[in-house]
Amino acid sequence: MDLSLYERLGGSEGITKIASDAVDLHLNNPAISPRYLKSDVAVLKKGAANFFIMGTGGPNVYEGKDMLATHKGMNISDVEFNAVIDDILQALEMNNVGQKEKEEVLFVLYGMKKEIVAV
């Protein structure tokens, strides 16, 4: 039996580390860091981790809004979306995630683009 993406990313512990690293990268990325100026970093990291856990086949621990409701009215650009993707890929690399898993994460992220960019 094949392991879920959640399991292959290290379960809740592994995904929490990846999400934390991704948020740290976002906070230091000049293309998107202004979006996070007023954010509570601990809350942001927890929400990102919980969304990622749920979205990869783990337990449904996410309590936030859906992607469209979260990003509605933010007018996020393609440049910003791609900056987020780049940071997530870097976080996956930092955590020694395999190529197959990176591709699966990218597939999921690009699947949400229409609910994030220019909405």
PDB file of N, CA and C in Angstrom:
ATOM      1  N   MET A   1       0.847  -1.193   0.000  1.00  0.00           N
ATOM      2  CA  MET A   1       0.000   0.000   0.000  1.00  0.00           C
ATOM      3  C   MET A   1       0.884   1.246   0.000  1.00  0.00           C
ATOM      4  N   ASP A   2       0.535   2.195  -0.849  1.00  0.00           N
ATOM      5  CA  ASP A   2       1.308   3.427  -0.945  1.00  0.00           C
ATOM      6  C   ASP A   2       1.005   4.346   0.233  1.00  0.00           C
ATOM      7  N   LEU A   3       2.034   5.032   0.675  1.00  0.00           N
ATOM      8  CA  LEU A   3       1.860   6.016   1.737  1.00  0.00           C
ATOM      9  C   LEU A   3       1.255   7.287   1.154  1.00  0.00           C
ATOM     10  N   SER A   4       0.459   7.986   1.948  1.00  0.00           N
ATOM     11  CA  SER A   4      -0.120   9.255   1.503  1.00  0.00           C
ATOM     12  C   SER A   4       0.987  10.314   1.435  1.00  0.00           C
ATOM     13  N   LEU A   5       0.705  11.400   0.738  1.00  0.00           N
ATOM     14  CA  LEU A   5       1.652  12.512   0.684  1.00  0.00           C
ATOM     15  C   LEU A   5       1.918  13.023   2.094  1.00  0.00           C
ATOM     16  N   TYR A   6       0.896  13.081   2.901  1.00  0.00           N
ATOM     17  CA  TYR A   6       1.025  13.486   4.303  1.00  0.00           C
ATOM     18  C   TYR A   6       2.088  12.640   5.005  1.00  0.00           C
ATOM     19  N   GLU A   7       2.000  11.347   4.854  1.00  0.00           N
ATOM     20  CA  GLU A   7       2.958  10.445   5.510  1.00  0.00           C
ATOM     21  C   GLU A   7       4.355  10.604   4.927  1.00  0.00           C
ATOM     22  N   ARG A   8       4.452  10.760   3.612  1.00  0.00           N
ATOM     23  CA  ARG A   8       5.762  10.891   2.971  1.00  0.00           C
ATOM     24  C   ARG A   8       6.449  12.208   3.295  1.00  0.00           C
ATOM     25  N   LEU A   9       5.669  13.212   3.712  1.00  0.00           N
ATOM     26  CA  LEU A   9       6.247  14.499   4.117  1.00  0.00           C
ATOM     27  C   LEU A   9       6.604  14.530   5.603  1.00  0.00           C
ATOM     28  N   GLY A  10       6.428  13.414   6.275  1.00  0.00           N
ATOM     29  CA  GLY A  10       6.800  13.336   7.682  1.00  0.00           C
ATOM     30  C   GLY A  10       5.659  13.539   8.646  1.00  0.00           C
ATOM     31  N   GLY A  11       4.427  13.412   8.161  1.00  0.00           N
ATOM     32  CA  GLY A  11       3.272  13.576   9.035  1.00  0.00           C
ATOM     33  C   GLY A  11       3.165  14.997   9.558  1.00  0.00           C
ATOM     34  N   SER A  12       2.438  15.156  10.630  1.00  0.00           N
ATOM     35  CA  SER A  12       2.203  16.494  11.186  1.00  0.00           C
ATOM     36  C   SER A  12       3.497  17.189  11.580  1.00  0.00           C
ATOM     37  N   GLU A  13       4.419  16.434  12.155  1.00  0.00           N
ATOM     38  CA  GLU A  13       5.688  17.042  12.585  1.00  0.00           C
ATOM     39  C   GLU A  13       6.495  17.550  11.386  1.00  0.00           C
ATOM     40  N   GLY A  14       6.639  16.726  10.363  1.00  0.00           N
ATOM     41  CA  GLY A  14       7.401  17.132   9.183  1.00  0.00           C
ATOM     42  C   GLY A  14       6.760  18.297   8.457  1.00  0.00           C
ATOM     43  N   ILE A  15       5.446  18.248   8.302  1.00  0.00           N
ATOM     44  CA  ILE A  15       4.729  19.309   7.594  1.00  0.00           C
ATOM     45  C   ILE A  15       4.760  20.607   8.388  1.00  0.00           C
ATOM     46  N   THR A  16       4.681  20.526   9.698  1.00  0.00           N
ATOM     47  CA  THR A  16       4.763  21.731  10.526  1.00  0.00           C
ATOM     48  C   THR A  16       6.117  22.411  10.333  1.00  0.00           C
ATOM     49  N   LYS A  17       7.175  21.639  10.238  1.00  0.00           N
ATOM     50  CA  LYS A  17       8.517  22.197  10.004  1.00  0.00           C
ATOM     51  C   LYS A  17       8.600  22.827   8.618  1.00  0.00           C
ATOM     52  N   ILE A  18       8.082  22.145   7.609  1.00  0.00           N
ATOM     53  CA  ILE A  18       8.085  22.692   6.251  1.00  0.00           C
ATOM     54  C   ILE A  18       7.304  24.004   6.198  1.00  0.00           C
ATOM     55  N   ALA A  19       6.121  24.027   6.793  1.00  0.00           N
ATOM     56  CA  ALA A  19       5.287  25.230   6.788  1.00  0.00           C
ATOM     57  C   ALA A  19       5.972  26.372   7.526  1.00  0.00           C
ATOM     58  N   SER A  20       6.597  26.072   8.648  1.00  0.00           N
ATOM     59  CA  SER A  20       7.316  27.101   9.405  1.00  0.00           C
ATOM     60  C   SER A  20       8.451  27.692   8.568  1.00  0.00           C
ATOM     61  N   ASP A  21       9.200  26.831   7.906  1.00  0.00           N
ATOM     62  CA  ASP A  21      10.289  27.301   7.050  1.00  0.00           C
ATOM     63  C   ASP A  21       9.748  28.144   5.895  1.00  0.00           C
ATOM     64  N   ALA A  22       8.636  27.713   5.303  1.00  0.00           N
ATOM     65  CA  ALA A  22       8.040  28.461   4.195  1.00  0.00           C
ATOM     66  C   ALA A  22       7.604  29.857   4.653  1.00  0.00           C
ATOM     67  N   VAL A  23       6.962  29.938   5.803  1.00  0.00           N
ATOM     68  CA  VAL A  23       6.530  31.246   6.316  1.00  0.00           C
ATOM     69  C   VAL A  23       7.747  32.125   6.596  1.00  0.00           C
ATOM     70  N   ASP A  24       8.795  31.564   7.176  1.00  0.00           N
ATOM     71  CA  ASP A  24      10.018  32.344   7.404  1.00  0.00           C
ATOM     72  C   ASP A  24      10.566  32.894   6.083  1.00  0.00           C
ATOM     73  N   LEU A  25      10.540  32.067   5.057  1.00  0.00           N
ATOM     74  CA  LEU A  25      11.003  32.524   3.740  1.00  0.00           C
ATOM     75  C   LEU A  25      10.088  33.622   3.193  1.00  0.00           C
ATOM     76  N   HIS A  26       8.775  33.466   3.367  1.00  0.00           N
ATOM     77  CA  HIS A  26       7.828  34.501   2.919  1.00  0.00           C
ATOM     78  C   HIS A  26       8.124  35.836   3.598  1.00  0.00           C
ATOM     79  N   LEU A  27       8.405  35.784   4.897  1.00  0.00           N
ATOM     80  CA  LEU A  27       8.647  37.012   5.667  1.00  0.00           C
ATOM     81  C   LEU A  27       9.904  37.730   5.216  1.00  0.00           C
ATOM     82  N   ASN A  28      10.812  37.016   4.571  1.00  0.00           N
ATOM     83  CA  ASN A  28      12.060  37.605   4.098  1.00  0.00           C
ATOM     84  C   ASN A  28      12.098  37.788   2.587  1.00  0.00           C
ATOM     85  N   ASN A  29      11.002  37.512   1.921  1.00  0.00           N
ATOM     86  CA  ASN A  29      10.938  37.626   0.473  1.00  0.00           C
ATOM     87  C   ASN A  29      10.352  38.992   0.115  1.00  0.00           C
ATOM     88  N   PRO A  30      11.157  39.875  -0.480  1.00  0.00           N
ATOM     89  CA  PRO A  30      10.662  41.233  -0.751  1.00  0.00           C
ATOM     90  C   PRO A  30       9.445  41.293  -1.670  1.00  0.00           C
ATOM     91  N   ALA A  31       9.226  40.267  -2.464  1.00  0.00           N
ATOM     92  CA  ALA A  31       8.063  40.260  -3.360  1.00  0.00           C
ATOM     93  C   ALA A  31       6.756  40.082  -2.603  1.00  0.00           C
ATOM     94  N   ILE A  32       6.808  39.455  -1.416  1.00  0.00           N
ATOM     95  CA  ILE A  32       5.565  39.170  -0.690  1.00  0.00           C
ATOM     96  C   ILE A  32       5.586  39.570   0.779  1.00  0.00           C
ATOM     97  N   SER A  33       6.737  39.878   1.323  1.00  0.00           N
ATOM     98  CA  SER A  33       6.805  40.188   2.758  1.00  0.00           C
ATOM     99  C   SER A  33       5.876  41.325   3.187  1.00  0.00           C
ATOM    100  N   PRO A  34       5.631  42.355   2.340  1.00  0.00           N
ATOM    101  CA  PRO A  34       4.690  43.396   2.779  1.00  0.00           C
ATOM    102  C   PRO A  34       3.299  42.870   3.104  1.00  0.00           C
ATOM    103  N   ARG A  35       2.909  41.751   2.498  1.00  0.00           N
ATOM    104  CA  ARG A  35       1.591  41.160   2.766  1.00  0.00           C
ATOM    105  C   ARG A  35       1.475  40.652   4.207  1.00  0.00           C
ATOM    106  N   TYR A  36       2.606  40.439   4.858  1.00  0.00           N
ATOM    107  CA  TYR A  36       2.621  39.815   6.183  1.00  0.00           C
ATOM    108  C   TYR A  36       2.993  40.774   7.313  1.00  0.00           C
ATOM    109  N   LEU A  37       3.089  42.060   7.019  1.00  0.00           N
ATOM    110  CA  LEU A  37       3.553  43.026   8.016  1.00  0.00           C
ATOM    111  C   LEU A  37       2.744  43.019   9.314  1.00  0.00           C
ATOM    112  N   LYS A  38       1.455  42.842   9.209  1.00  0.00           N
ATOM    113  CA  LYS A  38       0.594  42.916  10.397  1.00  0.00           C
ATOM    114  C   LYS A  38       0.167  41.531  10.886  1.00  0.00           C
ATOM    115  N   SER A  39       0.847  40.501  10.418  1.00  0.00           N
ATOM    116  CA  SER A  39       0.468  39.133  10.765  1.00  0.00           C
ATOM    117  C   SER A  39       1.062  38.698  12.096  1.00  0.00           C
ATOM    118  N   ASP A  40       0.311  37.888  12.797  1.00  0.00           N
ATOM    119  CA  ASP A  40       0.825  37.181  13.968  1.00  0.00           C
ATOM    120  C   ASP A  40       1.515  35.942  13.419  1.00  0.00           C
ATOM    121  N   VAL A  41       2.845  35.931  13.483  1.00  0.00           N
ATOM    122  CA  VAL A  41       3.625  34.881  12.828  1.00  0.00           C
ATOM    123  C   VAL A  41       3.274  33.493  13.365  1.00  0.00           C
ATOM    124  N   ALA A  42       3.080  33.360  14.662  1.00  0.00           N
ATOM    125  CA  ALA A  42       2.737  32.049  15.231  1.00  0.00           C
ATOM    126  C   ALA A  42       1.398  31.556  14.690  1.00  0.00           C
ATOM    127  N   VAL A  43       0.427  32.439  14.592  1.00  0.00           N
ATOM    128  CA  VAL A  43      -0.890  32.074  14.060  1.00  0.00           C
ATOM    129  C   VAL A  43      -0.776  31.728  12.574  1.00  0.00           C
ATOM    130  N   LEU A  44       0.009  32.501  11.846  1.00  0.00           N
ATOM    131  CA  LEU A  44       0.224  32.258  10.422  1.00  0.00           C
ATOM    132  C   LEU A  44       0.860  30.884  10.190  1.00  0.00           C
ATOM    133  N   LYS A  45       1.883  30.578  10.973  1.00  0.00           N
ATOM    134  CA  LYS A  45       2.564  29.283  10.838  1.00  0.00           C
ATOM    135  C   LYS A  45       1.627  28.127  11.173  1.00  0.00           C
ATOM    136  N   LYS A  46       0.847  28.281  12.226  1.00  0.00           N
ATOM    137  CA  LYS A  46      -0.077  27.222  12.617  1.00  0.00           C
ATOM    138  C   LYS A  46      -1.137  26.998  11.542  1.00  0.00           C
ATOM    139  N   GLY A  47      -1.695  28.080  11.012  1.00  0.00           N
ATOM    140  CA  GLY A  47      -2.704  27.964   9.966  1.00  0.00           C
ATOM    141  C   GLY A  47      -2.143  27.332   8.701  1.00  0.00           C
ATOM    142  N   ALA A  48      -0.928  27.741   8.325  1.00  0.00           N
ATOM    143  CA  ALA A  48      -0.291  27.176   7.133  1.00  0.00           C
ATOM    144  C   ALA A  48      -0.034  25.688   7.331  1.00  0.00           C
ATOM    145  N   ALA A  49       0.475  25.327   8.486  1.00  0.00           N
ATOM    146  CA  ALA A  49       0.751  23.912   8.772  1.00  0.00           C
ATOM    147  C   ALA A  49      -0.539  23.099   8.757  1.00  0.00           C
ATOM    148  N   ASN A  50      -1.564  23.595   9.419  1.00  0.00           N
ATOM    149  CA  ASN A  50      -2.821  22.851   9.485  1.00  0.00           C
ATOM    150  C   ASN A  50      -3.473  22.691   8.114  1.00  0.00           C
ATOM    151  N   PHE A  51      -3.392  23.737   7.288  1.00  0.00           N
ATOM    152  CA  PHE A  51      -3.938  23.651   5.933  1.00  0.00           C
ATOM    153  C   PHE A  51      -3.165  22.622   5.117  1.00  0.00           C
ATOM    154  N   PHE A  52      -1.832  22.658   5.236  1.00  0.00           N
ATOM    155  CA  PHE A  52      -0.948  21.748   4.515  1.00  0.00           C
ATOM    156  C   PHE A  52      -1.165  20.299   4.983  1.00  0.00           C
ATOM    157  N   ILE A  53      -1.346  20.111   6.285  1.00  0.00           N
ATOM    158  CA  ILE A  53      -1.617  18.781   6.840  1.00  0.00           C
ATOM    159  C   ILE A  53      -2.903  18.215   6.239  1.00  0.00           C
ATOM    160  N   MET A  54      -3.959  19.003   6.281  1.00  0.00           N
ATOM    161  CA  MET A  54      -5.244  18.558   5.743  1.00  0.00           C
ATOM    162  C   MET A  54      -5.137  18.319   4.244  1.00  0.00           C
ATOM    163  N   GLY A  55      -4.486  19.221   3.520  1.00  0.00           N
ATOM    164  CA  GLY A  55      -4.416  19.154   2.069  1.00  0.00           C
ATOM    165  C   GLY A  55      -3.560  18.028   1.515  1.00  0.00           C
ATOM    166  N   THR A  56      -2.756  17.409   2.376  1.00  0.00           N
ATOM    167  CA  THR A  56      -1.892  16.320   1.916  1.00  0.00           C
ATOM    168  C   THR A  56      -2.384  14.948   2.374  1.00  0.00           C
ATOM    169  N   GLY A  57      -3.579  14.909   2.947  1.00  0.00           N
ATOM    170  CA  GLY A  57      -4.161  13.631   3.338  1.00  0.00           C
ATOM    171  C   GLY A  57      -4.098  13.328   4.813  1.00  0.00           C
ATOM    172  N   GLY A  58      -3.677  14.299   5.607  1.00  0.00           N
ATOM    173  CA  GLY A  58      -3.621  14.111   7.049  1.00  0.00           C
ATOM    174  C   GLY A  58      -4.959  14.429   7.692  1.00  0.00           C
ATOM    175  N   PRO A  59      -4.976  14.458   8.997  1.00  0.00           N
ATOM    176  CA  PRO A  59      -6.231  14.769   9.702  1.00  0.00           C
ATOM    177  C   PRO A  59      -6.723  16.179   9.384  1.00  0.00           C
ATOM    178  N   ASN A  60      -8.022  16.358   9.435  1.00  0.00           N
ATOM    179  CA  ASN A  60      -8.610  17.665   9.149  1.00  0.00           C
ATOM    180  C   ASN A  60      -8.516  18.539  10.397  1.00  0.00           C
ATOM    181  N   VAL A  61      -7.371  19.199  10.531  1.00  0.00           N
ATOM    182  CA  VAL A  61      -7.136  20.061  11.687  1.00  0.00           C
ATOM    183  C   VAL A  61      -7.249  21.541  11.317  1.00  0.00           C
ATOM    184  N   TYR A  62      -7.529  21.828  10.052  1.00  0.00           N
ATOM    185  CA  TYR A  62      -7.610  23.215   9.579  1.00  0.00           C
ATOM    186  C   TYR A  62      -8.953  23.820   9.947  1.00  0.00           C
ATOM    187  N   GLU A  63      -8.918  25.012  10.534  1.00  0.00           N
ATOM    188  CA  GLU A  63     -10.146  25.680  10.971  1.00  0.00           C
ATOM    189  C   GLU A  63     -10.353  27.026  10.294  1.00  0.00           C
ATOM    190  N   GLY A  64      -9.499  27.353   9.316  1.00  0.00           N
ATOM    191  CA  GLY A  64      -9.583  28.647   8.649  1.00  0.00           C
ATOM    192  C   GLY A  64     -10.581  28.655   7.509  1.00  0.00           C
ATOM    193  N   LYS A  65     -10.592  29.781   6.814  1.00  0.00           N
ATOM    194  CA  LYS A  65     -11.458  29.952   5.650  1.00  0.00           C
ATOM    195  C   LYS A  65     -10.898  29.157   4.476  1.00  0.00           C
ATOM    196  N   ASP A  66     -11.751  28.929   3.483  1.00  0.00           N
ATOM    197  CA  ASP A  66     -11.257  28.294   2.263  1.00  0.00           C
ATOM    198  C   ASP A  66     -10.383  29.299   1.503  1.00  0.00           C
ATOM    199  N   MET A  67      -9.692  28.828   0.495  1.00  0.00           N
ATOM    200  CA  MET A  67      -8.722  29.674  -0.213  1.00  0.00           C
ATOM    201  C   MET A  67      -9.365  30.891  -0.859  1.00  0.00           C
ATOM    202  N   LEU A  68     -10.523  30.721  -1.480  1.00  0.00           N
ATOM    203  CA  LEU A  68     -11.180  31.848  -2.123  1.00  0.00           C
ATOM    204  C   LEU A  68     -11.573  32.908  -1.097  1.00  0.00           C
ATOM    205  N   ALA A  69     -12.189  32.498  -0.008  1.00  0.00           N
ATOM    206  CA  ALA A  69     -12.594  33.452   1.031  1.00  0.00           C
ATOM    207  C   ALA A  69     -11.379  34.129   1.665  1.00  0.00           C
ATOM    208  N   THR A  70     -10.299  33.395   1.836  1.00  0.00           N
ATOM    209  CA  THR A  70      -9.089  33.951   2.434  1.00  0.00           C
ATOM    210  C   THR A  70      -8.466  35.024   1.548  1.00  0.00           C
ATOM    211  N   HIS A  71      -8.471  34.821   0.238  1.00  0.00           N
ATOM    212  CA  HIS A  71      -7.737  35.697  -0.668  1.00  0.00           C
ATOM    213  C   HIS A  71      -8.612  36.700  -1.419  1.00  0.00           C
ATOM    214  N   LYS A  72      -9.937  36.606  -1.245  1.00  0.00           N
ATOM    215  CA  LYS A  72     -10.862  37.507  -1.935  1.00  0.00           C
ATOM    216  C   LYS A  72     -10.541  38.970  -1.599  1.00  0.00           C
ATOM    217  N   GLY A  73     -10.389  39.771  -2.635  1.00  0.00           N
ATOM    218  CA  GLY A  73     -10.140  41.197  -2.464  1.00  0.00           C
ATOM    219  C   GLY A  73      -8.678  41.560  -2.251  1.00  0.00           C
ATOM    220  N   MET A  74      -7.805  40.588  -2.167  1.00  0.00           N
ATOM    221  CA  MET A  74      -6.382  40.879  -1.948  1.00  0.00           C
ATOM    222  C   MET A  74      -5.655  41.236  -3.246  1.00  0.00           C
ATOM    223  N   ASN A  75      -6.263  40.905  -4.384  1.00  0.00           N
ATOM    224  CA  ASN A  75      -5.683  41.190  -5.682  1.00  0.00           C
ATOM    225  C   ASN A  75      -4.241  40.692  -5.793  1.00  0.00           C
ATOM    226  N   ILE A  76      -4.031  39.456  -5.435  1.00  0.00           N
ATOM    227  CA  ILE A  76      -2.707  38.830  -5.492  1.00  0.00           C
ATOM    228  C   ILE A  76      -2.310  38.646  -6.948  1.00  0.00           C
ATOM    229  N   SER A  77      -1.083  39.019  -7.255  1.00  0.00           N
ATOM    230  CA  SER A  77      -0.586  38.944  -8.628  1.00  0.00           C
ATOM    231  C   SER A  77       0.067  37.589  -8.906  1.00  0.00           C
ATOM    232  N   ASP A  78       0.286  37.326 -10.189  1.00  0.00           N
ATOM    233  CA  ASP A  78       1.022  36.126 -10.580  1.00  0.00           C
ATOM    234  C   ASP A  78       2.430  36.141  -9.997  1.00  0.00           C
ATOM    235  N   VAL A  79       3.058  37.307  -9.961  1.00  0.00           N
ATOM    236  CA  VAL A  79       4.408  37.432  -9.400  1.00  0.00           C
ATOM    237  C   VAL A  79       4.403  37.015  -7.926  1.00  0.00           C
ATOM    238  N   GLU A  80       3.413  37.475  -7.174  1.00  0.00           N
ATOM    239  CA  GLU A  80       3.327  37.107  -5.756  1.00  0.00           C
ATOM    240  C   GLU A  80       3.045  35.613  -5.595  1.00  0.00           C
ATOM    241  N   PHE A  81       2.134  35.083  -6.396  1.00  0.00           N
ATOM    242  CA  PHE A  81       1.828  33.654  -6.335  1.00  0.00           C
ATOM    243  C   PHE A  81       3.086  32.841  -6.603  1.00  0.00           C
ATOM    244  N   ASN A  82       3.823  33.214  -7.628  1.00  0.00           N
ATOM    245  CA  ASN A  82       5.046  32.487  -7.965  1.00  0.00           C
ATOM    246  C   ASN A  82       6.104  32.622  -6.878  1.00  0.00           C
ATOM    247  N   ALA A  83       6.159  33.763  -6.213  1.00  0.00           N
ATOM    248  CA  ALA A  83       7.102  33.939  -5.096  1.00  0.00           C
ATOM    249  C   ALA A  83       6.761  32.981  -3.956  1.00  0.00           C
ATOM    250  N   VAL A  84       5.486  32.822  -3.685  1.00  0.00           N
ATOM    251  CA  VAL A  84       5.046  31.876  -2.651  1.00  0.00           C
ATOM    252  C   VAL A  84       5.441  30.454  -3.050  1.00  0.00           C
ATOM    253  N   ILE A  85       5.187  30.105  -4.297  1.00  0.00           N
ATOM    254  CA  ILE A  85       5.546  28.767  -4.797  1.00  0.00           C
ATOM    255  C   ILE A  85       7.057  28.536  -4.642  1.00  0.00           C
ATOM    256  N   ASP A  86       7.849  29.527  -5.052  1.00  0.00           N
ATOM    257  CA  ASP A  86       9.313  29.401  -4.944  1.00  0.00           C
ATOM    258  C   ASP A  86       9.745  29.185  -3.497  1.00  0.00           C
ATOM    259  N   ASP A  87       9.135  29.932  -2.577  1.00  0.00           N
ATOM    260  CA  ASP A  87       9.479  29.774  -1.160  1.00  0.00           C
ATOM    261  C   ASP A  87       9.101  28.382  -0.649  1.00  0.00           C
ATOM    262  N   ILE A  88       7.940  27.896  -1.067  1.00  0.00           N
ATOM    263  CA  ILE A  88       7.517  26.560  -0.627  1.00  0.00           C
ATOM    264  C   ILE A  88       8.461  25.504  -1.187  1.00  0.00           C
ATOM    265  N   LEU A  89       8.849  25.646  -2.434  1.00  0.00           N
ATOM    266  CA  LEU A  89       9.813  24.700  -3.007  1.00  0.00           C
ATOM    267  C   LEU A  89      11.142  24.736  -2.251  1.00  0.00           C
ATOM    268  N   GLN A  90      11.573  25.933  -1.888  1.00  0.00           N
ATOM    269  CA  GLN A  90      12.814  26.051  -1.116  1.00  0.00           C
ATOM    270  C   GLN A  90      12.659  25.390   0.253  1.00  0.00           C
ATOM    271  N   ALA A  91      11.514  25.571   0.894  1.00  0.00           N
ATOM    272  CA  ALA A  91      11.263  24.936   2.194  1.00  0.00           C
ATOM    273  C   ALA A  91      11.260  23.415   2.057  1.00  0.00           C
ATOM    274  N   LEU A  92      10.689  22.913   0.981  1.00  0.00           N
ATOM    275  CA  LEU A  92      10.707  21.470   0.744  1.00  0.00           C
ATOM    276  C   LEU A  92      12.137  20.987   0.561  1.00  0.00           C
ATOM    277  N   GLU A  93      12.916  21.747  -0.179  1.00  0.00           N
ATOM    278  CA  GLU A  93      14.325  21.402  -0.383  1.00  0.00           C
ATOM    279  C   GLU A  93      15.091  21.415   0.940  1.00  0.00           C
ATOM    280  N   MET A  94      14.849  22.421   1.755  1.00  0.00           N
ATOM    281  CA  MET A  94      15.513  22.541   3.057  1.00  0.00           C
ATOM    282  C   MET A  94      15.214  21.335   3.948  1.00  0.00           C
ATOM    283  N   ASN A  95      14.074  20.707   3.708  1.00  0.00           N
ATOM    284  CA  ASN A  95      13.645  19.570   4.515  1.00  0.00           C
ATOM    285  C   ASN A  95      13.844  18.235   3.804  1.00  0.00           C
ATOM    286  N   ASN A  96      14.684  18.258   2.774  1.00  0.00           N
ATOM    287  CA  ASN A  96      15.080  17.039   2.060  1.00  0.00           C
ATOM    288  C   ASN A  96      13.900  16.237   1.512  1.00  0.00           C
ATOM    289  N   VAL A  97      12.908  16.941   0.997  1.00  0.00           N
ATOM    290  CA  VAL A  97      11.745  16.294   0.414  1.00  0.00           C
ATOM    291  C   VAL A  97      12.110  15.814  -0.990  1.00  0.00           C
ATOM    292  N   GLY A  98      11.661  14.623  -1.332  1.00  0.00           N
ATOM    293  CA  GLY A  98      11.963  14.021  -2.622  1.00  0.00           C
ATOM    294  C   GLY A  98      11.272  14.710  -3.788  1.00  0.00           C
ATOM    295  N   GLN A  99      11.794  14.463  -4.985  1.00  0.00           N
ATOM    296  CA  GLN A  99      11.274  15.088  -6.206  1.00  0.00           C
ATOM    297  C   GLN A  99       9.808  14.742  -6.454  1.00  0.00           C
ATOM    298  N   LYS A 100       9.434  13.500  -6.271  1.00  0.00           N
ATOM    299  CA  LYS A 100       8.045  13.089  -6.506  1.00  0.00           C
ATOM    300  C   LYS A 100       7.100  13.876  -5.598  1.00  0.00           C
ATOM    301  N   GLU A 101       7.468  14.013  -4.344  1.00  0.00           N
ATOM    302  CA  GLU A 101       6.631  14.743  -3.386  1.00  0.00           C
ATOM    303  C   GLU A 101       6.573  16.230  -3.745  1.00  0.00           C
ATOM    304  N   LYS A 102       7.701  16.800  -4.166  1.00  0.00           N
ATOM    305  CA  LYS A 102       7.709  18.209  -4.592  1.00  0.00           C
ATOM    306  C   LYS A 102       6.727  18.407  -5.741  1.00  0.00           C
ATOM    307  N   GLU A 103       6.761  17.491  -6.698  1.00  0.00           N
ATOM    308  CA  GLU A 103       5.854  17.594  -7.844  1.00  0.00           C
ATOM    309  C   GLU A 103       4.401  17.492  -7.412  1.00  0.00           C
ATOM    310  N   GLU A 104       4.109  16.625  -6.459  1.00  0.00           N
ATOM    311  CA  GLU A 104       2.735  16.493  -5.963  1.00  0.00           C
ATOM    312  C   GLU A 104       2.281  17.756  -5.246  1.00  0.00           C
ATOM    313  N   VAL A 105       3.176  18.341  -4.449  1.00  0.00           N
ATOM    314  CA  VAL A 105       2.842  19.594  -3.765  1.00  0.00           C
ATOM    315  C   VAL A 105       2.587  20.694  -4.794  1.00  0.00           C
ATOM    316  N   LEU A 106       3.435  20.794  -5.803  1.00  0.00           N
ATOM    317  CA  LEU A 106       3.237  21.795  -6.860  1.00  0.00           C
ATOM    318  C   LEU A 106       1.897  21.611  -7.557  1.00  0.00           C
ATOM    319  N   PHE A 107       1.538  20.378  -7.827  1.00  0.00           N
ATOM    320  CA  PHE A 107       0.261  20.083  -8.477  1.00  0.00           C
ATOM    321  C   PHE A 107      -0.898  20.622  -7.632  1.00  0.00           C
ATOM    322  N   VAL A 108      -0.842  20.373  -6.341  1.00  0.00           N
ATOM    323  CA  VAL A 108      -1.887  20.850  -5.426  1.00  0.00           C
ATOM    324  C   VAL A 108      -1.921  22.379  -5.415  1.00  0.00           C
ATOM    325  N   LEU A 109      -0.750  23.006  -5.299  1.00  0.00           N
ATOM    326  CA  LEU A 109      -0.685  24.467  -5.224  1.00  0.00           C
ATOM    327  C   LEU A 109      -1.204  25.120  -6.500  1.00  0.00           C
ATOM    328  N   TYR A 110      -0.778  24.625  -7.649  1.00  0.00           N
ATOM    329  CA  TYR A 110      -1.248  25.202  -8.905  1.00  0.00           C
ATOM    330  C   TYR A 110      -2.736  24.955  -9.102  1.00  0.00           C
ATOM    331  N   GLY A 111      -3.267  23.899  -8.525  1.00  0.00           N
ATOM    332  CA  GLY A 111      -4.693  23.632  -8.583  1.00  0.00           C
ATOM    333  C   GLY A 111      -5.521  24.671  -7.840  1.00  0.00           C
ATOM    334  N   MET A 112      -4.901  25.379  -6.904  1.00  0.00           N
ATOM    335  CA  MET A 112      -5.604  26.392  -6.117  1.00  0.00           C
ATOM    336  C   MET A 112      -5.418  27.802  -6.684  1.00  0.00           C
ATOM    337  N   LYS A 113      -4.617  27.939  -7.709  1.00  0.00           N
ATOM    338  CA  LYS A 113      -4.267  29.274  -8.230  1.00  0.00           C
ATOM    339  C   LYS A 113      -5.490  30.121  -8.536  1.00  0.00           C
ATOM    340  N   LYS A 114      -6.504  29.515  -9.155  1.00  0.00           N
ATOM    341  CA  LYS A 114      -7.694  30.290  -9.524  1.00  0.00           C
ATOM    342  C   LYS A 114      -8.465  30.814  -8.326  1.00  0.00           C
ATOM    343  N   GLU A 115      -8.205  30.257  -7.151  1.00  0.00           N
ATOM    344  CA  GLU A 115      -8.856  30.719  -5.924  1.00  0.00           C
ATOM    345  C   GLU A 115      -7.980  31.719  -5.161  1.00  0.00           C
ATOM    346  N   ILE A 116      -6.820  32.051  -5.707  1.00  0.00           N
ATOM    347  CA  ILE A 116      -5.865  32.903  -5.006  1.00  0.00           C
ATOM    348  C   ILE A 116      -5.497  34.155  -5.811  1.00  0.00           C
ATOM    349  N   VAL A 117      -5.197  33.991  -7.083  1.00  0.00           N
ATOM    350  CA  VAL A 117      -4.691  35.086  -7.909  1.00  0.00           C
ATOM    351  C   VAL A 117      -5.839  35.914  -8.489  1.00  0.00           C
ATOM    352  N   ALA A 118      -5.743  37.233  -8.303  1.00  0.00           N
ATOM    353  CA  ALA A 118      -6.672  38.205  -8.898  1.00  0.00           C
ATOM    354  C   ALA A 118      -8.130  37.925  -8.553  1.00  0.00           C
ATOM    355  N   VAL A 119      -8.391  37.528  -7.304  1.00  0.00           N
ATOM    356  CA  VAL A 119      -9.785  37.303  -6.891  1.00  0.00           C
ATOM    357  C   VAL A 119     -10.250  38.411  -5.968  1.00  0.00           C
TER     358      VAL A 119
END
